Amino acid sequence: MIRQGKGSHEIWHSPITGRNFAVPVGIPSRHTANAILRQAGLPKAF
């Protein structure tokens, strides 16, 4: 984790893609979880 974001989000960095992305603390659905994995450059897992 890089830092705390607004509200209930954290800002993470992916060394694979070189991008930062927001991650909600309580991930509400598998679709959201897969979207976060895609932003991180990882394969779909859920």
Protein backbone atom coordinates (compact mmCIF):
# COMPACT_ATOMS: atom_id res chain seq x y z
CA MET A 1 0.00 0.00 0.00
CA ILE A 2 1.30 3.43 -0.90
CA ARG A 3 -1.14 5.52 1.14
CA GLN A 4 -4.66 5.82 2.47
CA GLY A 5 -7.08 7.21 -0.11
CA LYS A 6 -10.36 9.05 0.32
CA GLY A 7 -12.98 7.35 2.46
CA SER A 8 -12.56 3.59 2.66
CA HIS A 9 -10.01 3.21 -0.16
CA GLU A 10 -6.28 2.53 -0.19
CA ILE A 11 -3.88 3.47 -2.99
CA TRP A 12 -1.68 0.60 -4.18
CA HIS A 13 1.12 0.42 -6.77
CA SER A 14 1.68 -2.41 -9.25
CA PRO A 15 5.32 -3.00 -10.21
CA ILE A 16 4.04 -5.13 -13.12
CA THR A 17 2.13 -2.30 -14.83
CA GLY A 18 3.86 0.64 -13.12
CA ARG A 19 0.47 2.15 -12.25
CA ASN A 20 -1.25 3.20 -9.03
CA PHE A 21 -4.84 2.12 -8.41
CA ALA A 22 -7.49 2.48 -5.72
CA VAL A 23 -8.61 -0.56 -3.73
CA PRO A 24 -11.75 -0.42 -1.55
CA VAL A 25 -11.19 -1.76 1.98
CA GLY A 26 -14.24 -4.05 1.79
CA ILE A 27 -14.37 -5.32 -1.79
CA PRO A 28 -18.12 -5.58 -2.53
CA SER A 29 -18.16 -8.14 -5.36
CA ARG A 30 -16.08 -10.59 -7.35
CA HIS A 31 -16.43 -8.30 -10.38
CA THR A 32 -14.76 -5.48 -8.47
CA ALA A 33 -12.05 -7.85 -7.23
CA ASN A 34 -11.31 -9.03 -10.79
CA ALA A 35 -11.17 -5.43 -12.03
CA ILE A 36 -8.62 -4.60 -9.33
CA LEU A 37 -6.53 -7.65 -10.28
CA ARG A 38 -6.66 -6.57 -13.94
CA GLN A 39 -5.42 -3.07 -13.00
CA ALA A 40 -2.56 -4.68 -11.09
CA GLY A 41 -1.59 -6.73 -14.15
CA LEU A 42 -2.55 -10.05 -12.57
CA PRO A 43 -4.78 -12.78 -14.01
CA LYS A 44 -8.48 -13.01 -13.16
CA ALA A 45 -8.92 -15.13 -10.01
CA PHE A 46 -12.58 -14.89 -8.95
